[in-house]
Amino acid sequence: MKEILLGDQKELHHLMMQIYPRVYQHLWRDGGKSYLEKTYSPGQLEKELNEPNTLYCFVQYQSETIGIIRLLENEPVANFRNKKAAKLQRIYLSDAAQGKGVGKALMTWMQDRARHSGCSILWLEVMDTQQKAIGFYEGLGFQAFNEVKFESDLMHKHLRGMYQMWKTIL
């Protein structure tokens, strides 16, 4: 793991231009270009880095940057307001990381981190069309508890569905 800093914006943007479209471009009318430009812009990165209780890191494997994670500690979730929760907001890994146990190791590490900060729930949102990701999370003990929509006019309307999933991490 390597913490992402404001000066890393160009590297972050370039990495996500490599990773994101391969899996998600079909969701967008413009292939995800506008989403990537907005989400990984200098201004957005500065805003996200200034949010409290946030961990934003490059994922490195064998000296190569292969992805990112963003964990929001102390992020409440509607169905579990009485529990301290952390949200896995982003986890994106390159094809080079697939099948090597990197995702599972990251999930274990994030659960441990959230637990040590006093959280008892880890939750996330996943596109409902991403069966491989849903299966991965279910295999780690996550359960769907709510359905929401990703609000963007640039995303195909019939592909905006998302599941919110959670797991107890006591």
N, C-alpha and C. Protein backbone atom coordinates (compact mmCIF):
# COMPACT_ATOMS: atom_id res chain seq x y z
N MET A 1 0.84 -1.17 0.00
CA MET A 1 0.00 0.00 0.00
C MET A 1 0.88 1.24 0.00
N LYS A 2 0.42 2.21 -0.76
CA LYS A 2 1.10 3.50 -0.78
C LYS A 2 0.03 4.57 -0.75
N GLU A 3 0.07 5.40 0.28
CA GLU A 3 -0.94 6.45 0.42
C GLU A 3 -0.93 7.36 -0.81
N ILE A 4 -2.13 7.69 -1.28
CA ILE A 4 -2.27 8.61 -2.41
C ILE A 4 -2.23 10.03 -1.88
N LEU A 5 -1.40 10.86 -2.50
CA LEU A 5 -1.27 12.27 -2.14
C LEU A 5 -1.74 13.12 -3.31
N LEU A 6 -1.97 14.39 -3.07
CA LEU A 6 -2.46 15.28 -4.12
C LEU A 6 -1.54 15.28 -5.34
N GLY A 7 -0.25 15.21 -5.12
CA GLY A 7 0.72 15.19 -6.21
C GLY A 7 0.67 13.92 -7.06
N ASP A 8 -0.11 12.93 -6.61
CA ASP A 8 -0.24 11.67 -7.34
C ASP A 8 -1.43 11.67 -8.30
N GLN A 9 -2.10 12.80 -8.47
CA GLN A 9 -3.33 12.85 -9.26
C GLN A 9 -3.14 12.33 -10.67
N LYS A 10 -2.09 12.72 -11.34
CA LYS A 10 -1.89 12.28 -12.73
C LYS A 10 -1.67 10.77 -12.80
N GLU A 11 -0.90 10.24 -11.86
CA GLU A 11 -0.68 8.79 -11.82
C GLU A 11 -1.99 8.05 -11.52
N LEU A 12 -2.78 8.58 -10.59
CA LEU A 12 -4.06 7.99 -10.25
C LEU A 12 -4.99 8.00 -11.47
N HIS A 13 -5.09 9.12 -12.12
CA HIS A 13 -5.96 9.25 -13.30
C HIS A 13 -5.52 8.28 -14.39
N HIS A 14 -4.24 8.22 -14.64
CA HIS A 14 -3.71 7.31 -15.68
C HIS A 14 -4.02 5.85 -15.34
N LEU A 15 -3.80 5.48 -14.10
CA LEU A 15 -4.06 4.10 -13.66
C LEU A 15 -5.53 3.75 -13.85
N MET A 16 -6.42 4.65 -13.44
CA MET A 16 -7.84 4.36 -13.54
C MET A 16 -8.32 4.35 -15.00
N MET A 17 -7.67 5.09 -15.86
CA MET A 17 -8.00 5.03 -17.30
C MET A 17 -7.63 3.66 -17.86
N GLN A 18 -6.67 2.98 -17.24
CA GLN A 18 -6.27 1.64 -17.66
C GLN A 18 -7.21 0.57 -17.08
N ILE A 19 -7.63 0.75 -15.83
CA ILE A 19 -8.38 -0.29 -15.12
C ILE A 19 -9.88 -0.20 -15.35
N TYR A 20 -10.46 0.97 -15.15
CA TYR A 20 -11.91 1.12 -15.10
C TYR A 20 -12.64 0.76 -16.40
N PRO A 21 -12.24 1.30 -17.54
CA PRO A 21 -13.03 1.03 -18.77
C PRO A 21 -13.16 -0.44 -19.14
N ARG A 22 -12.17 -1.24 -18.85
CA ARG A 22 -12.22 -2.66 -19.23
C ARG A 22 -13.42 -3.37 -18.62
N VAL A 23 -13.82 -2.94 -17.45
CA VAL A 23 -14.89 -3.62 -16.73
C VAL A 23 -16.21 -2.86 -16.77
N TYR A 24 -16.14 -1.53 -16.84
CA TYR A 24 -17.34 -0.72 -16.63
C TYR A 24 -17.77 0.15 -17.82
N GLN A 25 -17.03 0.16 -18.91
CA GLN A 25 -17.38 1.08 -19.99
C GLN A 25 -18.78 0.83 -20.57
N HIS A 26 -19.25 -0.41 -20.51
CA HIS A 26 -20.57 -0.74 -21.05
C HIS A 26 -21.72 -0.05 -20.30
N LEU A 27 -21.45 0.42 -19.08
CA LEU A 27 -22.48 1.08 -18.29
C LEU A 27 -22.78 2.50 -18.77
N TRP A 28 -21.84 3.08 -19.49
CA TRP A 28 -21.87 4.50 -19.80
C TRP A 28 -22.09 4.77 -21.28
N ARG A 29 -22.80 5.86 -21.55
CA ARG A 29 -22.99 6.29 -22.94
C ARG A 29 -21.70 6.80 -23.55
N ASP A 30 -20.79 7.30 -22.73
CA ASP A 30 -19.50 7.78 -23.23
C ASP A 30 -18.34 6.88 -22.82
N GLY A 31 -18.65 5.63 -22.47
CA GLY A 31 -17.61 4.67 -22.07
C GLY A 31 -17.02 4.93 -20.69
N GLY A 32 -17.59 5.87 -19.94
CA GLY A 32 -17.10 6.19 -18.60
C GLY A 32 -16.13 7.35 -18.55
N LYS A 33 -15.86 7.95 -19.71
CA LYS A 33 -14.87 9.03 -19.77
C LYS A 33 -15.22 10.19 -18.84
N SER A 34 -16.46 10.66 -18.88
CA SER A 34 -16.86 11.79 -18.02
C SER A 34 -16.75 11.43 -16.54
N TYR A 35 -17.16 10.21 -16.20
CA TYR A 35 -17.06 9.75 -14.81
C TYR A 35 -15.60 9.76 -14.35
N LEU A 36 -14.73 9.24 -15.16
CA LEU A 36 -13.31 9.18 -14.79
C LEU A 36 -12.71 10.58 -14.68
N GLU A 37 -13.06 11.47 -15.61
CA GLU A 37 -12.54 12.83 -15.58
C GLU A 37 -12.97 13.56 -14.31
N LYS A 38 -14.22 13.36 -13.91
CA LYS A 38 -14.73 14.01 -12.71
C LYS A 38 -14.16 13.38 -11.44
N THR A 39 -14.24 12.06 -11.35
CA THR A 39 -13.87 11.35 -10.13
C THR A 39 -12.39 11.45 -9.81
N TYR A 40 -11.55 11.52 -10.83
CA TYR A 40 -10.10 11.54 -10.60
C TYR A 40 -9.46 12.87 -11.01
N SER A 41 -10.26 13.95 -10.96
CA SER A 41 -9.76 15.29 -11.25
C SER A 41 -8.96 15.81 -10.04
N PRO A 42 -8.09 16.80 -10.26
CA PRO A 42 -7.35 17.37 -9.12
C PRO A 42 -8.26 17.89 -8.01
N GLY A 43 -9.33 18.59 -8.38
CA GLY A 43 -10.24 19.14 -7.38
C GLY A 43 -10.95 18.07 -6.57
N GLN A 44 -11.41 17.02 -7.24
CA GLN A 44 -12.09 15.94 -6.54
C GLN A 44 -11.13 15.18 -5.63
N LEU A 45 -9.91 14.95 -6.12
CA LEU A 45 -8.93 14.26 -5.29
C LEU A 45 -8.62 15.09 -4.05
N GLU A 46 -8.44 16.38 -4.21
CA GLU A 46 -8.16 17.23 -3.04
C GLU A 46 -9.31 17.16 -2.04
N LYS A 47 -10.53 17.23 -2.53
CA LYS A 47 -11.70 17.13 -1.65
C LYS A 47 -11.71 15.80 -0.90
N GLU A 48 -11.47 14.71 -1.61
CA GLU A 48 -11.51 13.39 -0.99
C GLU A 48 -10.36 13.18 0.00
N LEU A 49 -9.20 13.73 -0.29
CA LEU A 49 -8.07 13.59 0.63
C LEU A 49 -8.29 14.38 1.91
N ASN A 50 -9.10 15.43 1.85
CA ASN A 50 -9.37 16.25 3.02
C ASN A 50 -10.51 15.72 3.89
N GLU A 51 -11.20 14.70 3.42
CA GLU A 51 -12.28 14.12 4.23
C GLU A 51 -11.67 13.37 5.42
N PRO A 52 -12.25 13.56 6.62
CA PRO A 52 -11.70 12.86 7.79
C PRO A 52 -11.97 11.35 7.72
N ASN A 53 -11.16 10.61 8.43
CA ASN A 53 -11.35 9.16 8.56
C ASN A 53 -11.34 8.44 7.22
N THR A 54 -10.47 8.86 6.33
CA THR A 54 -10.40 8.29 4.99
C THR A 54 -9.01 7.73 4.72
N LEU A 55 -8.99 6.55 4.18
CA LEU A 55 -7.75 5.93 3.72
C LEU A 55 -7.85 5.78 2.21
N TYR A 56 -6.91 6.35 1.48
CA TYR A 56 -6.92 6.29 0.02
C TYR A 56 -5.52 5.89 -0.40
N CYS A 57 -5.39 4.70 -1.00
CA CYS A 57 -4.07 4.16 -1.29
C CYS A 57 -3.98 3.53 -2.67
N PHE A 58 -2.77 3.59 -3.21
CA PHE A 58 -2.43 2.74 -4.34
C PHE A 58 -2.16 1.35 -3.79
N VAL A 59 -2.53 0.34 -4.54
CA VAL A 59 -2.22 -1.04 -4.19
C VAL A 59 -1.02 -1.45 -5.01
N GLN A 60 0.00 -1.94 -4.34
CA GLN A 60 1.21 -2.36 -5.04
C GLN A 60 1.43 -3.86 -4.83
N TYR A 61 1.90 -4.48 -5.88
CA TYR A 61 2.17 -5.91 -5.86
C TYR A 61 3.43 -6.14 -6.67
N GLN A 62 4.42 -6.75 -6.04
CA GLN A 62 5.72 -7.01 -6.68
C GLN A 62 6.26 -5.75 -7.34
N SER A 63 6.29 -4.67 -6.58
CA SER A 63 6.84 -3.37 -6.99
C SER A 63 6.08 -2.68 -8.12
N GLU A 64 4.88 -3.15 -8.42
CA GLU A 64 4.07 -2.54 -9.48
C GLU A 64 2.76 -2.04 -8.88
N THR A 65 2.33 -0.86 -9.30
CA THR A 65 1.04 -0.33 -8.86
C THR A 65 -0.05 -1.00 -9.68
N ILE A 66 -0.93 -1.71 -9.00
CA ILE A 66 -1.93 -2.53 -9.70
C ILE A 66 -3.37 -2.15 -9.38
N GLY A 67 -3.57 -1.11 -8.55
CA GLY A 67 -4.93 -0.74 -8.23
C GLY A 67 -5.00 0.32 -7.16
N ILE A 68 -6.24 0.54 -6.68
CA ILE A 68 -6.49 1.50 -5.62
C ILE A 68 -7.53 0.95 -4.66
N ILE A 69 -7.51 1.49 -3.44
CA ILE A 69 -8.59 1.28 -2.47
C ILE A 69 -8.91 2.62 -1.83
N ARG A 70 -10.14 2.75 -1.42
CA ARG A 70 -10.56 3.92 -0.63
C ARG A 70 -11.52 3.41 0.43
N LEU A 71 -11.13 3.58 1.68
CA LEU A 71 -11.91 3.13 2.82
C LEU A 71 -12.33 4.35 3.64
N LEU A 72 -13.64 4.45 3.90
CA LEU A 72 -14.18 5.53 4.71
C LEU A 72 -14.54 4.96 6.07
N GLU A 73 -13.72 5.26 7.07
CA GLU A 73 -13.98 4.77 8.41
C GLU A 73 -15.02 5.67 9.08
N ASN A 74 -15.84 5.07 9.90
CA ASN A 74 -16.90 5.78 10.60
C ASN A 74 -17.90 6.39 9.60
N GLU A 75 -18.35 5.55 8.66
CA GLU A 75 -19.31 5.94 7.63
C GLU A 75 -20.62 5.20 7.89
N PRO A 76 -21.59 5.86 8.48
CA PRO A 76 -22.84 5.17 8.84
C PRO A 76 -23.58 4.63 7.62
N VAL A 77 -24.37 3.61 7.87
CA VAL A 77 -25.19 3.01 6.83
C VAL A 77 -26.63 2.94 7.33
N ALA A 78 -27.56 3.27 6.45
CA ALA A 78 -28.97 3.46 6.82
C ALA A 78 -29.56 2.33 7.66
N ASN A 79 -29.39 1.11 7.27
CA ASN A 79 -30.04 0.00 7.97
C ASN A 79 -29.38 -0.36 9.30
N PHE A 80 -28.22 0.23 9.58
CA PHE A 80 -27.47 -0.13 10.78
C PHE A 80 -26.98 1.12 11.50
N ARG A 81 -27.85 2.08 11.69
CA ARG A 81 -27.49 3.38 12.29
C ARG A 81 -26.91 3.25 13.69
N ASN A 82 -27.29 2.21 14.42
CA ASN A 82 -26.81 2.05 15.79
C ASN A 82 -25.46 1.35 15.87
N LYS A 83 -24.85 1.07 14.73
CA LYS A 83 -23.56 0.39 14.70
C LYS A 83 -22.53 1.28 14.01
N LYS A 84 -21.32 1.27 14.51
CA LYS A 84 -20.23 2.01 13.87
C LYS A 84 -19.79 1.22 12.64
N ALA A 85 -19.77 1.88 11.50
CA ALA A 85 -19.50 1.19 10.24
C ALA A 85 -18.41 1.88 9.44
N ALA A 86 -17.77 1.12 8.58
CA ALA A 86 -16.81 1.63 7.60
C ALA A 86 -17.31 1.23 6.22
N LYS A 87 -17.06 2.10 5.26
CA LYS A 87 -17.49 1.83 3.89
C LYS A 87 -16.28 1.65 2.98
N LEU A 88 -16.28 0.54 2.28
CA LEU A 88 -15.29 0.34 1.23
C LEU A 88 -15.86 1.06 0.01
N GLN A 89 -15.36 2.26 -0.24
CA GLN A 89 -15.92 3.06 -1.32
C GLN A 89 -15.36 2.65 -2.68
N ARG A 90 -14.08 2.30 -2.71
CA ARG A 90 -13.48 1.91 -3.99
C ARG A 90 -12.47 0.80 -3.77
N ILE A 91 -12.53 -0.17 -4.64
CA ILE A 91 -11.47 -1.15 -4.78
C ILE A 91 -11.44 -1.50 -6.26
N TYR A 92 -10.38 -1.13 -6.90
CA TYR A 92 -10.19 -1.42 -8.32
C TYR A 92 -8.81 -2.03 -8.48
N LEU A 93 -8.77 -3.17 -9.14
CA LEU A 93 -7.50 -3.86 -9.37
C LEU A 93 -7.34 -4.16 -10.85
N SER A 94 -6.12 -4.10 -11.32
CA SER A 94 -5.84 -4.36 -12.73
C SER A 94 -5.96 -5.85 -13.03
N ASP A 95 -5.99 -6.17 -14.29
CA ASP A 95 -6.02 -7.58 -14.70
C ASP A 95 -4.83 -8.35 -14.15
N ALA A 96 -3.70 -7.67 -13.97
CA ALA A 96 -2.49 -8.32 -13.47
C ALA A 96 -2.67 -8.86 -12.06
N ALA A 97 -3.65 -8.33 -11.31
CA ALA A 97 -3.88 -8.78 -9.93
C ALA A 97 -4.85 -9.93 -9.84
N GLN A 98 -5.57 -10.20 -10.90
CA GLN A 98 -6.62 -11.21 -10.86
C GLN A 98 -6.06 -12.61 -10.61
N GLY A 99 -6.71 -13.34 -9.72
CA GLY A 99 -6.35 -14.72 -9.44
C GLY A 99 -5.12 -14.92 -8.58
N LYS A 100 -4.60 -13.86 -7.99
CA LYS A 100 -3.38 -13.97 -7.18
C LYS A 100 -3.66 -13.83 -5.68
N GLY A 101 -4.94 -13.67 -5.31
CA GLY A 101 -5.28 -13.52 -3.90
C GLY A 101 -5.14 -12.10 -3.38
N VAL A 102 -4.83 -11.16 -4.26
CA VAL A 102 -4.63 -9.77 -3.85
C VAL A 102 -5.93 -9.18 -3.31
N GLY A 103 -7.04 -9.38 -4.01
CA GLY A 103 -8.32 -8.84 -3.57
C GLY A 103 -8.73 -9.37 -2.21
N LYS A 104 -8.59 -10.65 -2.02
CA LYS A 104 -8.94 -11.26 -0.74
C LYS A 104 -8.04 -10.74 0.38
N ALA A 105 -6.76 -10.61 0.11
CA ALA A 105 -5.84 -10.08 1.12
C ALA A 105 -6.18 -8.63 1.48
N LEU A 106 -6.53 -7.84 0.47
CA LEU A 106 -6.93 -6.46 0.73
C LEU A 106 -8.19 -6.39 1.57
N MET A 107 -9.16 -7.23 1.25
CA MET A 107 -10.41 -7.23 2.02
C MET A 107 -10.16 -7.61 3.47
N THR A 108 -9.31 -8.59 3.71
CA THR A 108 -8.97 -8.99 5.07
C THR A 108 -8.29 -7.84 5.80
N TRP A 109 -7.35 -7.18 5.12
CA TRP A 109 -6.62 -6.07 5.70
C TRP A 109 -7.56 -4.92 6.06
N MET A 110 -8.50 -4.59 5.15
CA MET A 110 -9.45 -3.49 5.40
C MET A 110 -10.41 -3.84 6.54
N GLN A 111 -10.84 -5.08 6.62
CA GLN A 111 -11.71 -5.50 7.72
C GLN A 111 -10.98 -5.35 9.05
N ASP A 112 -9.72 -5.78 9.09
CA ASP A 112 -8.92 -5.65 10.31
C ASP A 112 -8.74 -4.19 10.69
N ARG A 113 -8.45 -3.36 9.71
CA ARG A 113 -8.27 -1.92 9.98
C ARG A 113 -9.55 -1.31 10.53
N ALA A 114 -10.67 -1.59 9.88
CA ALA A 114 -11.95 -1.05 10.32
C ALA A 114 -12.30 -1.55 11.73
N ARG A 115 -12.06 -2.81 11.97
CA ARG A 115 -12.33 -3.38 13.30
C ARG A 115 -11.48 -2.68 14.36
N HIS A 116 -10.20 -2.44 14.06
CA HIS A 116 -9.32 -1.78 15.03
C HIS A 116 -9.70 -0.32 15.26
N SER A 117 -10.44 0.28 14.34
CA SER A 117 -10.91 1.66 14.56
C SER A 117 -12.28 1.67 15.22
N GLY A 118 -12.75 0.51 15.67
CA GLY A 118 -13.99 0.42 16.42
C GLY A 118 -15.23 0.13 15.61
N CYS A 119 -15.07 -0.15 14.32
CA CYS A 119 -16.22 -0.45 13.48
C CYS A 119 -16.62 -1.92 13.64
N SER A 120 -17.93 -2.17 13.58
CA SER A 120 -18.40 -3.55 13.66
C SER A 120 -19.02 -4.00 12.33
N ILE A 121 -19.16 -3.08 11.39
CA ILE A 121 -19.72 -3.40 10.08
C ILE A 121 -18.84 -2.80 8.99
N LEU A 122 -18.62 -3.58 7.94
CA LEU A 122 -17.99 -3.08 6.71
C LEU A 122 -19.04 -3.20 5.62
N TRP A 123 -19.25 -2.13 4.87
CA TRP A 123 -20.25 -2.16 3.82
C TRP A 123 -19.69 -1.56 2.54
N LEU A 124 -20.40 -1.81 1.45
CA LEU A 124 -19.96 -1.37 0.13
C LEU A 124 -21.15 -1.32 -0.81
N GLU A 125 -20.92 -0.74 -1.97
CA GLU A 125 -21.91 -0.74 -3.04
C GLU A 125 -21.27 -1.35 -4.27
N VAL A 126 -22.06 -2.16 -4.99
CA VAL A 126 -21.56 -2.86 -6.16
C VAL A 126 -22.64 -2.80 -7.24
N MET A 127 -22.22 -2.59 -8.47
CA MET A 127 -23.18 -2.57 -9.58
C MET A 127 -23.86 -3.93 -9.66
N ASP A 128 -25.17 -3.94 -9.85
CA ASP A 128 -25.90 -5.20 -9.84
C ASP A 128 -25.64 -6.07 -11.08
N THR A 129 -24.95 -5.52 -12.07
CA THR A 129 -24.59 -6.29 -13.26
C THR A 129 -23.23 -6.96 -13.13
N GLN A 130 -22.50 -6.67 -12.08
CA GLN A 130 -21.14 -7.18 -11.91
C GLN A 130 -21.17 -8.48 -11.10
N GLN A 131 -21.61 -9.56 -11.75
CA GLN A 131 -21.78 -10.84 -11.07
C GLN A 131 -20.49 -11.38 -10.48
N LYS A 132 -19.39 -11.17 -11.13
CA LYS A 132 -18.10 -11.66 -10.61
C LYS A 132 -17.77 -10.96 -9.29
N ALA A 133 -17.96 -9.63 -9.24
CA ALA A 133 -17.69 -8.89 -8.01
C ALA A 133 -18.67 -9.29 -6.91
N ILE A 134 -19.95 -9.43 -7.26
CA ILE A 134 -20.95 -9.83 -6.26
C ILE A 134 -20.60 -11.19 -5.68
N GLY A 135 -20.23 -12.12 -6.53
CA GLY A 135 -19.82 -13.44 -6.07
C GLY A 135 -18.59 -13.39 -5.17
N PHE A 136 -17.65 -12.54 -5.52
CA PHE A 136 -16.45 -12.36 -4.71
C PHE A 136 -16.83 -11.89 -3.30
N TYR A 137 -17.66 -10.86 -3.23
CA TYR A 137 -18.07 -10.33 -1.93
C TYR A 137 -18.89 -11.35 -1.15
N GLU A 138 -19.79 -12.04 -1.81
CA GLU A 138 -20.59 -13.07 -1.12
C GLU A 138 -19.68 -14.16 -0.58
N GLY A 139 -18.66 -14.52 -1.32
CA GLY A 139 -17.71 -15.54 -0.86
C GLY A 139 -16.94 -15.11 0.38
N LEU A 140 -16.88 -13.81 0.61
CA LEU A 140 -16.22 -13.27 1.80
C LEU A 140 -17.20 -13.02 2.94
N GLY A 141 -18.47 -13.38 2.73
CA GLY A 141 -19.46 -13.26 3.79
C GLY A 141 -20.33 -12.02 3.73
N PHE A 142 -20.23 -11.23 2.68
CA PHE A 142 -21.08 -10.06 2.53
C PHE A 142 -22.48 -10.49 2.09
N GLN A 143 -23.47 -9.71 2.52
CA GLN A 143 -24.86 -9.96 2.16
C GLN A 143 -25.48 -8.67 1.63
N ALA A 144 -26.28 -8.79 0.60
CA ALA A 144 -27.01 -7.63 0.09
C ALA A 144 -28.12 -7.27 1.08
N PHE A 145 -28.30 -5.96 1.31
CA PHE A 145 -29.37 -5.53 2.20
C PHE A 145 -30.22 -4.42 1.60
N ASN A 146 -29.81 -3.86 0.48
CA ASN A 146 -30.56 -2.77 -0.10
C ASN A 146 -30.21 -2.64 -1.58
N GLU A 147 -31.16 -2.11 -2.34
CA GLU A 147 -30.92 -1.80 -3.75
C GLU A 147 -31.04 -0.30 -3.92
N VAL A 148 -30.06 0.29 -4.63
CA VAL A 148 -30.05 1.73 -4.89
C VAL A 148 -29.73 1.94 -6.36
N LYS A 149 -29.78 3.18 -6.79
CA LYS A 149 -29.45 3.53 -8.17
C LYS A 149 -28.27 4.49 -8.18
N PHE A 150 -27.38 4.31 -9.14
CA PHE A 150 -26.30 5.27 -9.38
C PHE A 150 -26.91 6.40 -10.20
N GLU A 151 -26.86 7.59 -9.67
CA GLU A 151 -27.52 8.72 -10.33
C GLU A 151 -26.56 9.44 -11.27
N SER A 152 -26.70 9.18 -12.54
CA SER A 152 -25.94 9.89 -13.57
C SER A 152 -26.69 9.77 -14.89
N ASP A 153 -26.92 10.90 -15.51
CA ASP A 153 -27.58 10.89 -16.82
C ASP A 153 -26.70 10.28 -17.90
N LEU A 154 -25.41 10.19 -17.64
CA LEU A 154 -24.50 9.61 -18.63
C LEU A 154 -24.46 8.09 -18.59
N MET A 155 -25.00 7.52 -17.50
CA MET A 155 -25.05 6.07 -17.39
C MET A 155 -26.35 5.58 -18.03
N HIS A 156 -26.27 4.47 -18.74
CA HIS A 156 -27.49 3.89 -19.31
C HIS A 156 -28.47 3.63 -18.18
N LYS A 157 -29.70 4.09 -18.37
CA LYS A 157 -30.71 4.05 -17.31
C LYS A 157 -30.94 2.63 -16.79
N HIS A 158 -30.97 1.65 -17.67
CA HIS A 158 -31.26 0.28 -17.24
C HIS A 158 -30.06 -0.41 -16.57
N LEU A 159 -28.91 0.27 -16.49
CA LEU A 159 -27.72 -0.31 -15.87
C LEU A 159 -27.28 0.43 -14.61
N ARG A 160 -28.15 1.23 -14.04
CA ARG A 160 -27.79 2.04 -12.88
C ARG A 160 -27.98 1.33 -11.54
N GLY A 161 -28.48 0.12 -11.54
CA GLY A 161 -28.77 -0.58 -10.29
C GLY A 161 -27.52 -0.97 -9.52
N MET A 162 -27.62 -0.85 -8.22
CA MET A 162 -26.52 -1.22 -7.32
C MET A 162 -27.10 -1.95 -6.12
N TYR A 163 -26.29 -2.84 -5.57
CA TYR A 163 -26.60 -3.47 -4.29
C TYR A 163 -25.72 -2.84 -3.23
N GLN A 164 -26.29 -2.59 -2.08
CA GLN A 164 -25.49 -2.29 -0.90
C GLN A 164 -25.32 -3.62 -0.19
N MET A 165 -24.09 -3.91 0.20
CA MET A 165 -23.78 -5.17 0.86
C MET A 165 -23.05 -4.88 2.16
N TRP A 166 -23.21 -5.76 3.13
CA TRP A 166 -22.58 -5.54 4.43
C TRP A 166 -22.06 -6.85 5.01
N LYS A 167 -21.19 -6.68 5.98
CA LYS A 167 -20.63 -7.82 6.69
C LYS A 167 -20.28 -7.37 8.11
N THR A 168 -20.60 -8.21 9.08
CA THR A 168 -20.17 -7.97 10.45
C THR A 168 -18.69 -8.29 10.54
N ILE A 169 -17.92 -7.41 11.20
CA ILE A 169 -16.46 -7.63 11.28
C ILE A 169 -15.97 -7.65 12.73
N LEU A 170 -16.82 -8.04 13.65
CA LEU A 170 -16.43 -8.11 15.05
C LEU A 170 -15.25 -9.00 15.29
